[in-house]
C-alpha atoms as a PDB file:
ATOM      1  CA  MET A   1     119.394 116.072  87.521  1.00  0.00           C
ATOM      2  CA  HIS A   2     117.485 119.394  86.631  1.00  0.00           C
ATOM      3  CA  ASP A   3     114.216 118.155  86.574  1.00  0.00           C
ATOM      4  CA  ALA A   4     114.587 116.126  89.812  1.00  0.00           C
ATOM      5  CA  TYR A   5     116.028 119.480  91.497  1.00  0.00           C
ATOM      6  CA  ARG A   6     112.963 121.744  90.124  1.00  0.00           C
ATOM      7  CA  LYS A   7     110.861 119.148  91.442  1.00  0.00           C
ATOM      8  CA  GLY A   8     112.376 118.979  94.751  1.00  0.00           C
ATOM      9  CA  LEU A   9     111.873 122.750  94.840  1.00  0.00           C
ATOM     10  CA  PHE A  10     108.337 123.033  94.309  1.00  0.00           C
ATOM     11  CA  TYR A  11     107.787 120.088  97.065  1.00  0.00           C
ATOM     12  CA  ALA A  12     109.740 122.435  99.532  1.00  0.00           C
ATOM     13  CA  LEU A  13     107.831 125.366  98.748  1.00  0.00           C
ATOM     14  CA  SER A  14     104.579 123.554  98.659  1.00  0.00           C
ATOM     15  CA  CYS A  15     105.497 122.109 101.695  1.00  0.00           C
ATOM     16  CA  SER A  16     106.201 125.299 103.781  1.00  0.00           C
ATOM     17  CA  VAL A  17     103.555 127.151 102.279  1.00  0.00           C
ATOM     18  CA  LEU A  18     101.135 124.534 104.009  1.00  0.00           C
ATOM     19  CA  TRP A  19     103.134 124.742 107.459  1.00  0.00           C
ATOM     20  CA  GLY A  20     102.630 128.529 107.177  1.00  0.00           C
ATOM     21  CA  VAL A  21      99.033 128.158 107.439  1.00  0.00           C
ATOM     22  CA  LEU A  22      98.538 125.952 109.775  1.00  0.00           C
ATOM     23  CA  PRO A  23      98.454 128.067 112.706  1.00  0.00           C
ATOM     24  CA  ILE A  24      94.824 128.707 111.733  1.00  0.00           C
ATOM     25  CA  TYR A  25      93.921 124.988 111.812  1.00  0.00           C
ATOM     26  CA  TRP A  26      95.368 124.480 114.809  1.00  0.00           C
ATOM     27  CA  GLN A  27      93.608 127.608 116.371  1.00  0.00           C
ATOM     28  CA  ALA A  28      90.552 126.449 115.039  1.00  0.00           C
ATOM     29  CA  LEU A  29      90.369 123.298 117.366  1.00  0.00           C
ATOM     30  CA  ARG A  30      89.825 125.396 120.472  1.00  0.00           C
ATOM     31  CA  PRO A  31      88.670 124.593 123.422  1.00  0.00           C
ATOM     32  CA  ILE A  32      90.315 120.931 122.525  1.00  0.00           C
ATOM     33  CA  GLU A  33      93.010 120.944 124.529  1.00  0.00           C
ATOM     34  CA  SER A  34      96.644 120.897 123.173  1.00  0.00           C
ATOM     35  CA  SER A  35      97.605 117.157 124.412  1.00  0.00           C
ATOM     36  CA  VAL A  36      94.780 115.852 123.138  1.00  0.00           C
ATOM     37  CA  ILE A  37      95.143 116.998 119.486  1.00  0.00           C
ATOM     38  CA  ILE A  38      98.852 115.899 119.787  1.00  0.00           C
ATOM     39  CA  PHE A  39      97.696 112.145 120.864  1.00  0.00           C
ATOM     40  CA  TYR A  40      95.228 111.964 118.004  1.00  0.00           C
ATOM     41  CA  ARG A  41      97.516 113.394 115.320  1.00  0.00           C
ATOM     42  CA  ILE A  42      99.918 110.664 116.134  1.00  0.00           C
ATOM     43  CA  PHE A  43      97.595 107.796 115.980  1.00  0.00           C
ATOM     44  CA  LEU A  44      95.963 109.316 112.673  1.00  0.00           C
ATOM     45  CA  VAL A  45      99.507 109.733 110.684  1.00  0.00           C
ATOM     46  CA  GLY A  46     100.224 106.745 111.215  1.00  0.00           C
ATOM     47  CA  LEU A  47      96.841 105.167 110.266  1.00  0.00           C
ATOM     48  CA  VAL A  48      97.111 107.228 107.169  1.00  0.00           C
ATOM     49  CA  CYS A  49     100.414 106.159 105.953  1.00  0.00           C
ATOM     50  CA  PHE A  50     100.010 102.556 106.941  1.00  0.00           C
ATOM     51  CA  LEU A  51      96.855 102.560 104.293  1.00  0.00           C
ATOM     52  CA  LEU A  52      98.632 104.968 101.785  1.00  0.00           C
ATOM     53  CA  SER A  53     101.342 102.293 101.922  1.00  0.00           C
ATOM     54  CA  LEU A  54      99.128  99.256 101.832  1.00  0.00           C
ATOM     55  CA  LYS A  55      97.845 100.024  98.814  1.00  0.00           C
ATOM     56  CA  LEU A  56     100.952 101.556  97.165  1.00  0.00           C
ATOM     57  CA  TYR A  57     103.226  99.382  98.106  1.00  0.00           C
ATOM     58  CA  GLY A  58     101.650  95.949  99.822  1.00  0.00           C
ATOM     59  CA  MET A  59     102.335  94.299 102.769  1.00  0.00           C
ATOM     60  CA  GLU A  60     105.548  92.321 101.527  1.00  0.00           C
ATOM     61  CA  GLU A  61     107.270  95.833 100.735  1.00  0.00           C
ATOM     62  CA  ILE A  62     106.560  96.875 104.137  1.00  0.00           C
ATOM     63  CA  ARG A  63     107.956  94.517 105.814  1.00  0.00           C
ATOM     64  CA  LYS A  64     110.966  93.956 103.445  1.00  0.00           C
ATOM     65  CA  ASN A  65     112.133  97.460 104.401  1.00  0.00           C
ATOM     66  CA  LEU A  66     112.035  96.495 108.213  1.00  0.00           C
ATOM     67  CA  LYS A  67     114.463  93.615 107.806  1.00  0.00           C
ATOM     68  CA  PRO A  68     118.275  95.481 107.490  1.00  0.00           C
ATOM     69  CA  LYS A  69     119.932  95.753 110.566  1.00  0.00           C
ATOM     70  CA  GLY A  70     119.458  99.042 112.342  1.00  0.00           C
ATOM     71  CA  VAL A  71     116.805 100.859 110.777  1.00  0.00           C
ATOM     72  CA  LYS A  72     114.260  99.998 112.936  1.00  0.00           C
ATOM     73  CA  LEU A  73     115.918 102.182 115.683  1.00  0.00           C
ATOM     74  CA  LYS A  74     116.662 105.358 112.963  1.00  0.00           C
ATOM     75  CA  TYR A  75     112.984 104.873 112.362  1.00  0.00           C
ATOM     76  CA  PHE A  76     111.696 105.024 115.760  1.00  0.00           C
ATOM     77  CA  LEU A  77     114.639 107.627 117.079  1.00  0.00           C
ATOM     78  CA  ALA A  78     113.079 109.649 113.956  1.00  0.00           C
ATOM     79  CA  GLY A  79     109.452 108.997 115.184  1.00  0.00           C
ATOM     80  CA  LEU A  80     110.530 110.676 118.548  1.00  0.00           C
ATOM     81  CA  LEU A  81     111.759 113.575 117.086  1.00  0.00           C
ATOM     82  CA  ILE A  82     109.240 114.444 114.799  1.00  0.00           C
ATOM     83  CA  THR A  83     106.540 113.552 118.075  1.00  0.00           C
ATOM     84  CA  ALA A  84     108.631 116.209 119.930  1.00  0.00           C
ATOM     85  CA  ASN A  85     108.747 118.742 117.454  1.00  0.00           C
ATOM     86  CA  TRP A  86     104.817 118.503 116.983  1.00  0.00           C
ATOM     87  CA  SER A  87     104.291 118.636 120.326  1.00  0.00           C
ATOM     88  CA  ILE A  88     105.831 121.986 121.176  1.00  0.00           C
ATOM     89  CA  TYR A  89     104.562 123.457 118.455  1.00  0.00           C
ATOM     90  CA  ILE A  90     101.073 122.690 118.545  1.00  0.00           C
ATOM     91  CA  TRP A  91     100.819 123.865 122.329  1.00  0.00           C
ATOM     92  CA  ALA A  92     102.725 127.038 121.684  1.00  0.00           C
ATOM     93  CA  VAL A  93     100.341 127.857 118.930  1.00  0.00           C
ATOM     94  CA  ASN A  94      97.450 127.062 120.852  1.00  0.00           C
ATOM     95  CA  ALA A  95      99.498 129.299 124.151  1.00  0.00           C
ATOM     96  CA  ASP A  96      99.297 132.354 121.708  1.00  0.00           C
ATOM     97  CA  GLN A  97     102.682 132.109 120.952  1.00  0.00           C
ATOM     98  CA  VAL A  98     103.033 132.031 117.199  1.00  0.00           C
ATOM     99  CA  ILE A  99     105.489 134.920 116.927  1.00  0.00           C
ATOM    100  CA  GLN A 100     107.891 133.114 119.450  1.00  0.00           C
ATOM    101  CA  THR A 101     106.949 129.633 116.924  1.00  0.00           C
ATOM    102  CA  CYS A 102     108.772 131.630 114.340  1.00  0.00           C
ATOM    103  CA  VAL A 103     111.350 132.606 116.046  1.00  0.00           C
ATOM    104  CA  GLY A 104     112.243 128.881 116.002  1.00  0.00           C
ATOM    105  CA  TYR A 105     111.394 128.273 112.656  1.00  0.00           C
ATOM    106  CA  TYR A 106     113.774 131.091 111.475  1.00  0.00           C
ATOM    107  CA  ILE A 107     116.475 129.359 113.532  1.00  0.00           C
ATOM    108  CA  GLU A 108     115.961 125.680 112.510  1.00  0.00           C
ATOM    109  CA  PRO A 109     116.704 126.450 109.064  1.00  0.00           C
ATOM    110  CA  LEU A 110     119.891 127.808 109.807  1.00  0.00           C
ATOM    111  CA  MET A 111     120.631 124.469 111.966  1.00  0.00           C
ATOM    112  CA  VAL A 112     119.697 122.424 108.808  1.00  0.00           C
ATOM    113  CA  SER A 113     121.830 124.290 106.562  1.00  0.00           C
ATOM    114  CA  VAL A 114     124.767 124.001 109.404  1.00  0.00           C
ATOM    115  CA  PHE A 115     123.804 120.313 109.296  1.00  0.00           C
ATOM    116  CA  GLY A 116     124.137 119.970 105.825  1.00  0.00           C
ATOM    117  CA  ILE A 117     127.587 120.650 105.897  1.00  0.00           C
ATOM    118  CA  LEU A 118     128.816 119.324 108.640  1.00  0.00           C
ATOM    119  CA  PHE A 119     127.409 115.863 108.091  1.00  0.00           C
ATOM    120  CA  PHE A 120     126.810 115.991 104.266  1.00  0.00           C
ATOM    121  CA  LYS A 121     129.868 117.662 102.711  1.00  0.00           C
ATOM    122  CA  GLU A 122     127.423 119.863 101.240  1.00  0.00           C
ATOM    123  CA  LYS A 123     128.980 123.407  99.530  1.00  0.00           C
ATOM    124  CA  LEU A 124     127.867 127.228 100.116  1.00  0.00           C
ATOM    125  CA  THR A 125     128.099 129.317  96.956  1.00  0.00           C
ATOM    126  CA  LYS A 126     128.563 132.833  97.749  1.00  0.00           C
ATOM    127  CA  TYR A 127     124.755 133.654  97.478  1.00  0.00           C
ATOM    128  CA  LYS A 128     123.834 131.073  99.868  1.00  0.00           C
ATOM    129  CA  LEU A 129     126.510 132.340 101.885  1.00  0.00           C
ATOM    130  CA  ALA A 130     125.306 135.942 101.857  1.00  0.00           C
ATOM    131  CA  ALA A 131     121.671 134.513 102.969  1.00  0.00           C
ATOM    132  CA  LEU A 132     122.943 132.563 106.106  1.00  0.00           C
ATOM    133  CA  VAL A 133     124.733 135.220 107.026  1.00  0.00           C
ATOM    134  CA  MET A 134     121.865 137.754 106.638  1.00  0.00           C
ATOM    135  CA  ALA A 135     119.362 134.921 108.588  1.00  0.00           C
ATOM    136  CA  LEU A 136     121.943 134.867 111.385  1.00  0.00           C
ATOM    137  CA  ALA A 137     122.286 138.679 111.872  1.00  0.00           C
ATOM    138  CA  GLY A 138     117.997 138.680 112.015  1.00  0.00           C
ATOM    139  CA  VAL A 139     118.018 135.552 114.373  1.00  0.00           C
ATOM    140  CA  SER A 140     120.326 137.435 116.819  1.00  0.00           C
ATOM    141  CA  LEU A 141     118.710 140.526 116.303  1.00  0.00           C
ATOM    142  CA  LEU A 142     115.690 138.355 117.651  1.00  0.00           C
ATOM    143  CA  LEU A 143     117.629 136.787 120.724  1.00  0.00           C
ATOM    144  CA  VAL A 144     119.047 139.791 122.245  1.00  0.00           C
ATOM    145  CA  HIS A 145     115.768 141.919 121.832  1.00  0.00           C
ATOM    146  CA  PHE A 146     113.744 139.377 123.869  1.00  0.00           C
ATOM    147  CA  MET A 147     117.031 139.228 126.380  1.00  0.00           C
ATOM    148  CA  GLU A 148     116.276 135.231 127.198  1.00  0.00           C
ATOM    149  CA  ILE A 149     116.882 131.923 126.309  1.00  0.00           C
ATOM    150  CA  PRO A 150     113.947 131.380 123.812  1.00  0.00           C
ATOM    151  CA  LEU A 151     113.314 127.615 125.072  1.00  0.00           C
ATOM    152  CA  ILE A 152     110.411 126.899 123.135  1.00  0.00           C
ATOM    153  CA  ALA A 153     112.543 128.601 119.739  1.00  0.00           C
ATOM    154  CA  LEU A 154     115.104 126.510 120.676  1.00  0.00           C
ATOM    155  CA  SER A 155     113.584 123.258 121.059  1.00  0.00           C
ATOM    156  CA  LEU A 156     111.651 123.403 117.463  1.00  0.00           C
ATOM    157  CA  ALA A 157     114.857 124.058 116.083  1.00  0.00           C
ATOM    158  CA  LEU A 158     117.036 121.232 117.203  1.00  0.00           C
ATOM    159  CA  THR A 159     114.265 118.904 117.268  1.00  0.00           C
ATOM    160  CA  PHE A 160     113.226 119.670 113.373  1.00  0.00           C
ATOM    161  CA  ALA A 161     116.655 120.058 112.300  1.00  0.00           C
ATOM    162  CA  THR A 162     117.799 116.909 113.898  1.00  0.00           C
ATOM    163  CA  TYR A 163     114.941 115.067 112.570  1.00  0.00           C
ATOM    164  CA  ALA A 164     115.913 116.489 108.750  1.00  0.00           C
ATOM    165  CA  ALA A 165     119.211 114.904 108.674  1.00  0.00           C
ATOM    166  CA  LEU A 166     117.911 111.921 109.643  1.00  0.00           C
ATOM    167  CA  LYS A 167     115.834 111.959 107.488  1.00  0.00           C
ATOM    168  CA  LYS A 168     118.309 112.573 104.645  1.00  0.00           C
ATOM    169  CA  SER A 169     119.618 108.871 105.151  1.00  0.00           C
ATOM    170  CA  PHE A 170     116.126 107.406 104.712  1.00  0.00           C
ATOM    171  CA  ASN A 171     116.122 106.162 100.697  1.00  0.00           C
ATOM    172  CA  LEU A 172     112.307 105.322 101.108  1.00  0.00           C
ATOM    173  CA  PRO A 173     109.555 106.574  99.443  1.00  0.00           C
ATOM    174  CA  SER A 174     108.228 109.341 101.688  1.00  0.00           C
ATOM    175  CA  VAL A 175     104.988 107.814 102.965  1.00  0.00           C
ATOM    176  CA  LEU A 176     106.591 104.248 103.662  1.00  0.00           C
ATOM    177  CA  SER A 177     108.927 106.344 105.726  1.00  0.00           C
ATOM    178  CA  LEU A 178     106.427 108.449 107.644  1.00  0.00           C
ATOM    179  CA  PHE A 179     104.720 105.222 108.398  1.00  0.00           C
ATOM    180  CA  TYR A 180     107.769 103.567 109.933  1.00  0.00           C
ATOM    181  CA  GLU A 181     108.727 106.663 111.896  1.00  0.00           C
ATOM    182  CA  THR A 182     104.908 106.769 113.547  1.00  0.00           C
ATOM    183  CA  MET A 183     104.572 102.690 113.990  1.00  0.00           C
ATOM    184  CA  TYR A 184     105.828 102.621 117.289  1.00  0.00           C
ATOM    185  CA  LEU A 185     104.025 105.430 118.694  1.00  0.00           C
ATOM    186  CA  MET A 186     100.025 104.576 116.980  1.00  0.00           C
ATOM    187  CA  LEU A 187      98.703 101.979 119.663  1.00  0.00           C
ATOM    188  CA  PRO A 188     100.021 103.601 122.419  1.00  0.00           C
ATOM    189  CA  ALA A 189      98.582 107.117 121.196  1.00  0.00           C
ATOM    190  CA  LEU A 190      95.517 105.208 120.486  1.00  0.00           C
ATOM    191  CA  ALA A 191      95.479 103.983 124.207  1.00  0.00           C
ATOM    192  CA  VAL A 192      95.305 107.349 125.587  1.00  0.00           C
ATOM    193  CA  VAL A 193      92.777 108.451 123.027  1.00  0.00           C
ATOM    194  CA  ILE A 194      90.479 105.445 124.055  1.00  0.00           C
ATOM    195  CA  TYR A 195      90.810 106.606 127.769  1.00  0.00           C
ATOM    196  CA  LEU A 196      90.658 110.723 127.323  1.00  0.00           C
ATOM    197  CA  GLU A 197      87.193 110.110 125.282  1.00  0.00           C
ATOM    198  CA  ALA A 198      86.129 107.837 127.967  1.00  0.00           C
ATOM    199  CA  THR A 199      86.732 109.641 130.909  1.00  0.00           C
ATOM    200  CA  GLY A 200      85.116 112.644 129.418  1.00  0.00           C
ATOM    201  CA  GLN A 201      88.549 114.497 129.022  1.00  0.00           C
ATOM    202  CA  GLY A 202      88.808 114.077 125.157  1.00  0.00           C
ATOM    203  CA  ALA A 203      87.410 116.003 121.971  1.00  0.00           C
ATOM    204  CA  TRP A 204      84.588 114.898 121.445  1.00  0.00           C
ATOM    205  CA  GLY A 205      82.718 116.033 125.057  1.00  0.00           C
ATOM    206  CA  VAL A 206      84.780 119.381 124.275  1.00  0.00           C
ATOM    207  CA  GLY A 207      84.832 120.488 120.751  1.00  0.00           C
ATOM    208  CA  LYS A 208      81.897 121.159 118.627  1.00  0.00           C
ATOM    209  CA  PRO A 209      80.760 118.104 116.128  1.00  0.00           C
ATOM    210  CA  TYR A 210      82.692 120.561 113.407  1.00  0.00           C
ATOM    211  CA  GLN A 211      85.696 120.626 115.049  1.00  0.00           C
ATOM    212  CA  TYR A 212      85.977 116.631 115.454  1.00  0.00           C
ATOM    213  CA  GLY A 213      85.438 116.439 111.875  1.00  0.00           C
ATOM    214  CA  LEU A 214      88.179 118.965 111.712  1.00  0.00           C
ATOM    215  CA  LEU A 215      90.533 117.308 114.185  1.00  0.00           C
ATOM    216  CA  MET A 216      89.848 113.729 111.663  1.00  0.00           C
ATOM    217  CA  LEU A 217      91.823 115.995 109.331  1.00  0.00           C
ATOM    218  CA  CYS A 218      94.821 116.333 110.963  1.00  0.00           C
ATOM    219  CA  GLY A 219      96.569 112.697 110.180  1.00  0.00           C
ATOM    220  CA  PRO A 220      96.062 113.597 106.183  1.00  0.00           C
ATOM    221  CA  ILE A 221      97.283 116.870 106.481  1.00  0.00           C
ATOM    222  CA  THR A 222     100.449 116.330 108.194  1.00  0.00           C
ATOM    223  CA  ALA A 223     101.202 113.392 106.376  1.00  0.00           C
ATOM    224  CA  LEU A 224     100.976 115.400 102.878  1.00  0.00           C
ATOM    225  CA  ALA A 225     103.255 118.623 104.350  1.00  0.00           C
ATOM    226  CA  LEU A 226     105.741 115.713 105.995  1.00  0.00           C
ATOM    227  CA  ALA A 227     105.199 113.794 102.823  1.00  0.00           C
ATOM    228  CA  LEU A 228     106.298 116.878 100.683  1.00  0.00           C
ATOM    229  CA  PHE A 229     109.152 117.594 103.223  1.00  0.00           C
ATOM    230  CA  ALA A 230     110.943 113.773 102.952  1.00  0.00           C
ATOM    231  CA  GLU A 231     110.527 114.348  98.986  1.00  0.00           C
ATOM    232  CA  ALA A 232     112.419 117.993  98.579  1.00  0.00           C
ATOM    233  CA  ALA A 233     114.824 116.663 101.307  1.00  0.00           C
ATOM    234  CA  ASN A 234     115.823 113.648  99.041  1.00  0.00           C
ATOM    235  CA  LYS A 235     116.117 115.757  95.854  1.00  0.00           C
ATOM    236  CA  ILE A 236     117.274 119.175  96.711  1.00  0.00           C
ATOM    237  CA  PRO A 237     120.585 120.106  99.470  1.00  0.00           C
ATOM    238  CA  LEU A 238     119.699 120.443 102.718  1.00  0.00           C
ATOM    239  CA  VAL A 239     121.530 123.865 102.281  1.00  0.00           C
ATOM    240  CA  THR A 240     118.775 124.803  99.962  1.00  0.00           C
ATOM    241  CA  LEU A 241     115.828 123.159 101.942  1.00  0.00           C
ATOM    242  CA  GLY A 242     117.172 124.840 104.963  1.00  0.00           C
ATOM    243  CA  LEU A 243     116.913 128.446 103.314  1.00  0.00           C
ATOM    244  CA  ILE A 244     113.478 127.817 101.887  1.00  0.00           C
ATOM    245  CA  GLU A 245     111.973 127.036 104.858  1.00  0.00           C
ATOM    246  CA  TYR A 246     112.054 130.517 105.927  1.00  0.00           C
ATOM    247  CA  LEU A 247     108.860 131.306 104.047  1.00  0.00           C
ATOM    248  CA  SER A 248     107.054 128.612 106.479  1.00  0.00           C
ATOM    249  CA  PRO A 249     107.714 130.850 109.622  1.00  0.00           C
ATOM    250  CA  SER A 250     107.580 134.361 107.737  1.00  0.00           C
ATOM    251  CA  ILE A 251     103.741 133.303 106.946  1.00  0.00           C
ATOM    252  CA  SER A 252     103.073 132.498 110.453  1.00  0.00           C
ATOM    253  CA  LEU A 253     104.635 135.653 111.518  1.00  0.00           C
ATOM    254  CA  VAL A 254     102.358 137.684 109.219  1.00  0.00           C
ATOM    255  CA  LEU A 255      99.089 135.870 110.658  1.00  0.00           C
ATOM    256  CA  GLY A 256     100.505 136.149 114.252  1.00  0.00           C
ATOM    257  CA  ILE A 257     100.311 139.895 113.804  1.00  0.00           C
ATOM    258  CA  PHE A 258      97.361 140.509 111.767  1.00  0.00           C
ATOM    259  CA  LEU A 259      94.980 137.339 112.276  1.00  0.00           C
ATOM    260  CA  PHE A 260      95.726 136.682 115.895  1.00  0.00           C
ATOM    261  CA  ARG A 261      96.918 140.278 117.092  1.00  0.00           C
ATOM    262  CA  GLU A 262     100.105 139.036 118.956  1.00  0.00           C
ATOM    263  CA  PRO A 263     102.678 142.065 120.286  1.00  0.00           C
ATOM    264  CA  PHE A 264     105.045 142.923 117.490  1.00  0.00           C
ATOM    265  CA  ASP A 265     107.164 145.598 117.549  1.00  0.00           C
ATOM    266  CA  LEU A 266     110.016 147.282 115.331  1.00  0.00           C
ATOM    267  CA  VAL A 267     112.732 145.377 116.738  1.00  0.00           C
ATOM    268  CA  GLN A 268     111.033 142.189 115.352  1.00  0.00           C
ATOM    269  CA  PHE A 269     109.649 143.901 112.260  1.00  0.00           C
ATOM    270  CA  LEU A 270     113.828 144.485 111.396  1.00  0.00           C
ATOM    271  CA  ALA A 271     114.714 141.291 112.285  1.00  0.00           C
ATOM    272  CA  PHE A 272     111.877 140.052 109.538  1.00  0.00           C
ATOM    273  CA  VAL A 273     113.350 142.460 106.975  1.00  0.00           C
ATOM    274  CA  ILE A 274     116.876 141.278 107.351  1.00  0.00           C
ATOM    275  CA  VAL A 275     115.515 137.498 106.993  1.00  0.00           C
ATOM    276  CA  TRP A 276     113.837 138.458 103.779  1.00  0.00           C
ATOM    277  CA  ILE A 277     117.095 140.429 102.389  1.00  0.00           C
ATOM    278  CA  GLY A 278     119.016 137.041 102.813  1.00  0.00           C
ATOM    279  CA  LEU A 279     115.867 135.170 101.071  1.00  0.00           C
ATOM    280  CA  VAL A 280     116.704 137.980  98.204  1.00  0.00           C
ATOM    281  CA  PHE A 281     120.136 136.854  98.078  1.00  0.00           C
ATOM    282  CA  PHE A 282     119.346 133.261  97.990  1.00  0.00           C
ATOM    283  CA  THR A 283     116.703 133.803  95.593  1.00  0.00           C
ATOM    284  CA  ILE A 284     119.053 135.462  93.017  1.00  0.00           C
ATOM    285  CA  GLY A 285     121.824 132.840  93.988  1.00  0.00           C
ATOM    286  CA  GLU A 286     119.113 130.074  92.509  1.00  0.00           C
ATOM    287  CA  LYS A 287     118.826 131.770  89.534  1.00  0.00           C
ATOM    288  CA  LYS A 288     122.225 131.944  88.802  1.00  0.00           C
ATOM    289  CA  ASP A 289     122.627 128.413  89.459  1.00  0.00           C
ATOM    290  CA  SER A 290     120.124 126.991  87.489  1.00  0.00           C
ATOM    291  CA  GLY A 291     121.005 129.335  84.355  1.00  0.00           C
ATOM    292  CA  VAL A 292     124.447 127.484  84.388  1.00  0.00           C
ATOM    293  CA  ASP A 293     122.616 123.694  84.627  1.00  0.00           C
ATOM    294  CA  LEU A 294     120.546 124.393  81.959  1.00  0.00           C
ATOM    295  CA  GLU A 295     123.507 125.909  79.948  1.00  0.00           C
ATOM    296  CA  ASN A 296     125.766 122.830  80.955  1.00  0.00           C
ATOM    297  CA  GLU A 297     122.550 120.718  79.781  1.00  0.00           C
ATOM    298  CA  ALA A 298     122.349 122.346  76.288  1.00  0.00           C
ATOM    299  CA  ASP A 299     126.048 122.173  75.881  1.00  0.00           C
ATOM    300  CA  ALA A 300     125.910 118.426  76.455  1.00  0.00           C
ATOM    301  CA  ALA A 301     123.231 117.728  74.279  1.00  0.00           C
ATOM    302  CA  GLY A 302     125.134 119.887  71.466  1.00  0.00           C
ATOM    303  CA  ALA A 303     127.930 117.844  71.909  1.00  0.00           C
ATOM    304  CA  ASP A 304     126.120 114.426  72.078  1.00  0.00           C
ATOM    305  CA  LYS A 305     124.683 115.469  68.619  1.00  0.00           C
ATOM    306  CA  MET A 306     127.949 116.302  67.131  1.00  0.00           C
ATOM    307  CA  GLN A 307     129.180 112.991  68.180  1.00  0.00           C
ATOM    308  CA  GLU A 308     126.668 110.960  66.752  1.00  0.00           C
ATOM    309  CA  ALA A 309     126.631 113.273  63.542  1.00  0.00           C
ATOM    310  CA  SER A 310     130.735 112.576  63.360  1.00  0.00           C
ATOM    311  CA  GLN A 311     129.326 108.892  63.882  1.00  0.00           C
ATOM    312  CA  ASP A 312     127.012 108.557  60.952  1.00  0.00           C
ATOM    313  CA  LYS A 313     129.163 109.977  58.468  1.00  0.00           C
ATOM    314  CA  PRO A 314     130.697 107.614  55.942  1.00  0.00           C
ATOM    315  CA  GLU A 315     134.235 106.472  57.001  1.00  0.00           C
ATOM    316  CA  THR A 316     135.768 107.250  53.739  1.00  0.00           C
ATOM    317  CA  GLU A 317     135.794 110.951  54.904  1.00  0.00           C
ATOM    318  CA  LYS A 318     137.658 109.969  58.452  1.00  0.00           C
ATOM    319  CA  GLY A 319     139.947 107.265  57.401  1.00  0.00           C
ATOM    320  CA  GLY A 320     139.724 106.372  53.154  1.00  0.00           C
ATOM    321  CA  ARG A 321     137.733 103.221  54.040  1.00  0.00           C
ATOM    322  CA  SER A 322     134.251 102.499  52.374  1.00  0.00           C
ATOM    323  CA  PRO A 323     131.396 101.106  53.944  1.00  0.00           C
ATOM    324  CA  GLY A 324     132.142  97.693  52.649  1.00  0.00           C
ATOM    325  CA  GLN A 325     135.531  97.364  54.231  1.00  0.00           C
ATOM    326  CA  GLU A 326     134.055  98.041  57.518  1.00  0.00           C
ATOM    327  CA  SER A 327     131.517  95.614  57.181  1.00  0.00           C
ATOM    328  CA  GLN A 328     134.046  93.157  56.155  1.00  0.00           C
ATOM    329  CA  GLU A 329     136.489  94.113  59.320  1.00  0.00           C
ATOM    330  CA  LYS A 330     132.843  93.798  61.448  1.00  0.00           C
ATOM    331  CA  LEU A 331     131.947  90.212  60.070  1.00  0.00           C
ATOM    332  CA  SER A 332     135.898  89.289  60.563  1.00  0.00           C
ATOM    333  CA  HIS A 333     135.207  90.291  64.506  1.00  0.00           C
END
């Protein structure tokens, strides 16, 4: 269990870092329209996941997992949720709203954690509770500061938190799961791409050749990030996963301020600091929990060794029976 937990933390951290730097990639695709990028992304993610699934598991395994009653609807719903999330995010980034997307992804882990508590009966330690309180304070400060309902932020948070909760019930390899989620949307997306390119409204007639090459990478990049997230969701509690995800918007926030030069004031900075104080509490709690796990594992291993040693002792020391007597008893059975 401890090895699985450590792997889950690694996958969650890798996923968060990758998502954090993706605004650089999406803005490098300008002036290609966000809608064009979205349709390319849907089709290419599905294609990449299908090819990987075919190579790793074969067509028979792909078909077998679609037979249980009700799973197709779950995959379809998950596909709609993640597609809606992608669409909102890409449009916002290319509309110079990177910092606003960060607000959404600060809210989203709170929703993920709350869903974990409500639907999966996950428990909070005092350190994680402190981290959630600090995160909520930081997000609340941002919401009050903007003095309006941040529809982009709330939409990003709600769609991805719901997607994360739904993914928790998928007991499948991540590549297979991602293919099932996108397979219903692949052909419609491909049809739209063909129409846009044929009418001169697509990527080829707008972007430069190197940008079209970058666009072809959106499938593998997205599949990698979502595969890391899926593996993390299956190995660590949603509360832990939700808190680690604060790393992603924090990286994007830094990019929005210093690379994209978006407006950023003192109140936003204070909210950013409050959230990171919460992450300090979380880190301390994780370190303590890991130490307890290791200690428990060591104690269990020591107990096993003592038990083995006691079983290896001659029976004359245990109850006065000789090895020969015990052999006769075994034979009598």
